[in-house]
Structure formats: structure tokens, C-alpha cells
Amino acid sequence: MSTTQFMIETKTQFQNQQASIQNLEVQVGQLANVISGRNQGVFPSQPEVNPKNQEQAKAITLRKGKQVNIAVDLEKEALEKEKEAKKSAA
């Protein structure tokens, strides 16, 4: 590798590092603006009502990719409970 080629590569790497540092400075400035705009002593978002008994979830996807359909499972449980109730009543 010649000295000229080494100098060119070094200069290119230095310019890339300068650009990266400048991008980081911009991002830190943006984060500082967001943080300073928040109200102190207040949570960052409004609390949500507990979705218990509201049946908003229609399906669940597990980590393995398997989908669980809650509506179908609930219907099966209801049918099983009806069958058990009929058996115990008879």
C-alpha cells in the first residue's frame, strides 16, 4: 500500500467518523428537546383502563408463531359448562 493511498483511506475514515459524530450530536439535541418539553412530576402517558371483561383481544400470537383464538376457546368452554350443567341437573 502506498503512502498516498493510505492517506486517502485515512482521510475517508476520518470524514466518516466526523459525519457519525455530527449525527449523534443532532440526536442528543433532539432527545434533550423532548426531555425538556415534558412536565415534571407527571407520568409520560395517561393511564389506561384495565381491559378486564371487555373482551378486546380477538387473537393472540405466541412467540413460536402459533395463533390462539380466544373467541373459539371461550365458546368451547361455554358449551362444556352447559353440558356439565345438564349432566348434573339430570
Protein backbone atom coordinates (compact mmCIF):
# COMPACT_ATOMS: atom_id res chain seq x y z
CA MET A 1 0.00 0.00 0.00
CA SER A 2 1.45 3.32 -0.98
CA THR A 3 1.61 6.33 1.30
CA THR A 4 -0.80 8.30 -0.87
CA GLN A 5 -3.38 5.52 -0.83
CA PHE A 6 -3.02 5.19 2.96
CA MET A 7 -3.55 8.93 3.40
CA ILE A 8 -6.66 8.86 1.21
CA GLU A 9 -8.16 5.92 3.14
CA THR A 10 -7.35 7.56 6.47
CA LYS A 11 -8.93 10.83 5.36
CA THR A 12 -12.07 8.98 4.21
CA GLN A 13 -12.36 7.16 7.53
CA PHE A 14 -11.89 10.43 9.41
CA GLN A 15 -14.65 12.09 7.37
CA ASN A 16 -16.98 9.15 8.05
CA GLN A 17 -16.29 9.42 11.77
CA GLN A 18 -16.95 13.15 11.70
CA ALA A 19 -20.29 12.58 9.98
CA SER A 20 -21.23 9.92 12.54
CA ILE A 21 -20.33 12.21 15.43
CA GLN A 22 -22.36 15.02 13.91
CA ASN A 23 -25.39 12.70 13.59
CA LEU A 24 -25.01 11.69 17.23
CA GLU A 25 -24.86 15.34 18.29
CA VAL A 26 -28.11 16.03 16.42
CA GLN A 27 -29.81 13.03 18.04
CA VAL A 28 -28.68 14.03 21.54
CA GLY A 29 -30.01 17.53 20.89
CA GLN A 30 -33.37 16.11 19.80
CA LEU A 31 -33.55 13.96 22.94
CA ALA A 32 -32.73 16.98 25.11
CA ASN A 33 -35.59 18.92 23.49
CA VAL A 34 -38.04 16.07 24.09
CA ILE A 35 -36.99 15.68 27.73
CA SER A 36 -37.16 19.40 28.45
CA GLY A 37 -40.68 19.54 26.98
CA ARG A 38 -42.07 17.02 29.49
CA ASN A 39 -43.89 18.13 32.60
CA GLN A 40 -42.04 17.22 35.76
CA GLY A 41 -43.84 15.07 38.31
CA VAL A 42 -46.31 13.71 35.74
CA PHE A 43 -46.31 10.33 34.07
CA PRO A 44 -45.46 10.46 30.35
CA SER A 45 -48.81 8.99 29.30
CA GLN A 46 -52.34 8.79 30.56
CA PRO A 47 -53.22 5.59 32.41
CA GLU A 48 -55.46 3.18 30.56
CA VAL A 49 -58.48 1.45 32.00
CA ASN A 50 -57.88 -2.20 32.80
CA PRO A 51 -59.35 -4.14 29.84
CA LYS A 52 -60.68 -6.87 32.16
CA ASN A 53 -64.02 -8.27 30.97
CA GLN A 54 -64.05 -6.07 27.88
CA GLU A 55 -63.01 -8.87 25.51
CA GLN A 56 -60.93 -6.66 23.24
CA ALA A 57 -58.34 -9.29 22.39
CA LYS A 58 -59.58 -11.35 19.46
CA ALA A 59 -56.46 -13.46 18.88
CA ILE A 60 -53.06 -13.98 20.43
CA THR A 61 -49.88 -14.88 18.57
CA LEU A 62 -47.31 -16.79 20.60
CA ARG A 63 -43.55 -16.50 20.22
CA LYS A 64 -43.47 -19.69 18.20
CA GLY A 65 -45.89 -18.12 15.73
CA LYS A 66 -48.87 -20.21 16.83
CA GLN A 67 -52.10 -18.22 16.96
CA VAL A 68 -54.61 -18.71 19.76
CA ASN A 69 -58.17 -17.68 19.02
CA ILE A 70 -59.74 -16.69 22.33
CA ALA A 71 -63.29 -16.42 20.99
CA VAL A 72 -63.28 -20.05 19.86
CA ASP A 73 -61.80 -21.20 23.18
CA LEU A 74 -64.44 -19.26 25.14
CA GLU A 75 -67.24 -20.77 23.05
CA LYS A 76 -65.87 -24.28 23.70
CA GLU A 77 -65.72 -23.58 27.43
CA ALA A 78 -69.31 -22.30 27.42
CA LEU A 79 -70.51 -25.44 25.61
CA GLU A 80 -68.63 -27.68 28.05
CA LYS A 81 -70.15 -25.84 31.03
CA GLU A 82 -73.63 -26.24 29.54
CA LYS A 83 -73.05 -29.98 29.08
CA GLU A 84 -71.82 -30.31 32.67
CA ALA A 85 -74.81 -28.35 33.94
CA LYS A 86 -77.20 -30.62 32.02
CA LYS A 87 -75.45 -33.73 33.38
CA SER A 88 -75.58 -32.50 36.97
CA ALA A 89 -79.24 -31.43 36.58
CA ALA A 90 -80.29 -34.82 35.23
